[in-house]
Amino acid sequence: MRARIYKPAKTAMSSGTAKTHHWVLEHVAETARSVDPLMGWTGSADTQAQVKLSFETKEAALDYAAANGIDAVVQEPKERKPNIRAGGYGENFATNRRGVWTH
């Protein structure tokens, strides 16, 4: 079995980082998905591809993979710089703005 260990990125629809502080072990699908001819649904006989396990640390995920004989590849996260403005959100409504505010 092969798996990848990664730290999920934040969603594009939110500025929060709520579900990005844990590590995920996700199994790689060993068989290709197939389309059901009657309903058009996609499916697979590989049930391990549906499993996602969450861990507090990368080391815990690696220990789990080693204990269960899973060949795991770690993808390191790309850390982003926080976008902190001096005035914060209130800067959008500042009355002492030097230039004209436009969209």
Protein backbone atom coordinates (compact mmCIF):
# COMPACT_ATOMS: atom_id res chain seq x y z
CA MET A 1 0.00 0.00 0.00
CA ARG A 2 1.13 3.51 -0.76
CA ALA A 3 0.02 6.68 0.97
CA ARG A 4 0.85 10.34 1.18
CA ILE A 5 1.12 12.44 4.30
CA TYR A 6 0.37 16.13 3.96
CA LYS A 7 -0.92 19.16 5.79
CA PRO A 8 -4.09 20.45 4.09
CA ALA A 9 -4.21 23.97 2.71
CA LYS A 10 -6.89 26.46 3.64
CA THR A 11 -9.94 26.61 1.44
CA ALA A 12 -10.14 29.32 -1.20
CA MET A 13 -13.54 30.42 0.10
CA SER A 14 -12.31 31.37 3.57
CA SER A 15 -9.53 33.44 5.05
CA GLY A 16 -9.42 31.29 8.18
CA THR A 17 -6.99 28.47 8.86
CA ALA A 18 -9.25 26.27 11.00
CA LYS A 19 -8.72 22.87 9.36
CA THR A 20 -5.07 23.27 8.44
CA HIS A 21 -3.33 22.48 11.73
CA HIS A 22 -3.33 18.67 11.50
CA TRP A 23 -1.60 16.16 9.22
CA VAL A 24 -3.53 13.78 6.95
CA LEU A 25 -2.55 10.29 5.81
CA GLU A 26 -4.37 9.50 2.57
CA HIS A 27 -4.06 6.23 0.68
CA VAL A 28 -3.25 6.39 -3.02
CA ALA A 29 -5.73 4.55 -5.25
CA GLU A 30 -4.21 1.34 -6.62
CA THR A 31 -6.87 0.78 -9.27
CA ALA A 32 -8.40 3.23 -11.70
CA ARG A 33 -11.96 4.42 -11.22
CA SER A 34 -14.60 3.03 -13.53
CA VAL A 35 -17.88 4.49 -14.72
CA ASP A 36 -21.07 2.56 -14.01
CA PRO A 37 -22.80 2.07 -17.39
CA LEU A 38 -26.34 2.35 -16.00
CA MET A 39 -26.15 5.29 -13.59
CA GLY A 40 -22.96 7.01 -14.72
CA TRP A 41 -21.47 7.04 -11.22
CA THR A 42 -17.76 6.57 -10.75
CA GLY A 43 -16.61 3.81 -8.49
CA SER A 44 -13.69 1.66 -7.56
CA ALA A 45 -13.04 -1.67 -5.90
CA ASP A 46 -10.25 -0.10 -3.86
CA THR A 47 -11.76 0.80 -0.48
CA GLN A 48 -8.48 2.08 0.98
CA ALA A 49 -8.66 5.13 -1.31
CA GLN A 50 -11.65 6.32 0.73
CA VAL A 51 -9.68 6.39 3.99
CA LYS A 52 -8.22 9.65 5.34
CA LEU A 53 -6.65 9.60 8.78
CA SER A 54 -5.85 12.75 10.76
CA PHE A 55 -2.87 13.13 13.10
CA GLU A 56 -1.68 15.91 15.38
CA THR A 57 1.92 15.75 14.15
CA LYS A 58 3.84 14.56 11.12
CA GLU A 59 5.84 12.17 13.31
CA ALA A 60 2.64 10.51 14.56
CA ALA A 61 1.53 9.93 10.96
CA LEU A 62 4.93 8.50 10.03
CA ASP A 63 4.91 6.23 13.10
CA TYR A 64 1.45 4.93 12.15
CA ALA A 65 2.57 4.26 8.58
CA ALA A 66 5.70 2.44 9.74
CA ALA A 67 3.78 0.33 12.28
CA ASN A 68 1.24 -0.78 9.65
CA GLY A 69 3.67 -1.38 6.77
CA ILE A 70 2.46 1.55 4.67
CA ASP A 71 4.91 3.10 2.21
CA ALA A 72 4.28 6.81 2.89
CA VAL A 73 5.56 9.89 1.11
CA VAL A 74 5.57 13.20 3.01
CA GLN A 75 4.63 16.41 1.22
CA GLU A 76 5.90 19.38 3.20
CA PRO A 77 3.49 22.35 3.38
CA LYS A 78 4.27 25.69 1.80
CA GLU A 79 3.93 28.21 4.61
CA ARG A 80 2.40 31.51 3.66
CA LYS A 81 3.21 34.88 5.11
CA PRO A 82 0.36 36.38 7.17
CA ASN A 83 -1.32 39.40 5.63
CA ILE A 84 -1.44 41.82 8.56
CA ARG A 85 -2.27 45.43 7.80
CA ALA A 86 -1.48 48.25 10.21
CA GLY A 87 -5.07 49.46 10.47
CA GLY A 88 -6.67 46.07 9.98
CA TYR A 89 -10.19 45.95 8.56
CA GLY A 90 -10.89 49.47 9.82
CA GLU A 91 -8.38 50.80 7.30
CA ASN A 92 -11.05 50.33 4.63
CA PHE A 93 -13.13 53.08 6.27
CA ALA A 94 -10.37 55.50 7.28
CA THR A 95 -11.29 59.18 7.14
CA ASN A 96 -7.69 60.35 6.94
CA ARG A 97 -6.98 58.62 3.64
CA ARG A 98 -4.58 60.56 1.42
CA GLY A 99 -5.72 59.24 -1.95
CA VAL A 100 -9.11 58.54 -3.45
CA TRP A 101 -10.51 55.17 -2.45
CA THR A 102 -11.64 53.08 -5.40
CA HIS A 103 -12.49 49.49 -6.04
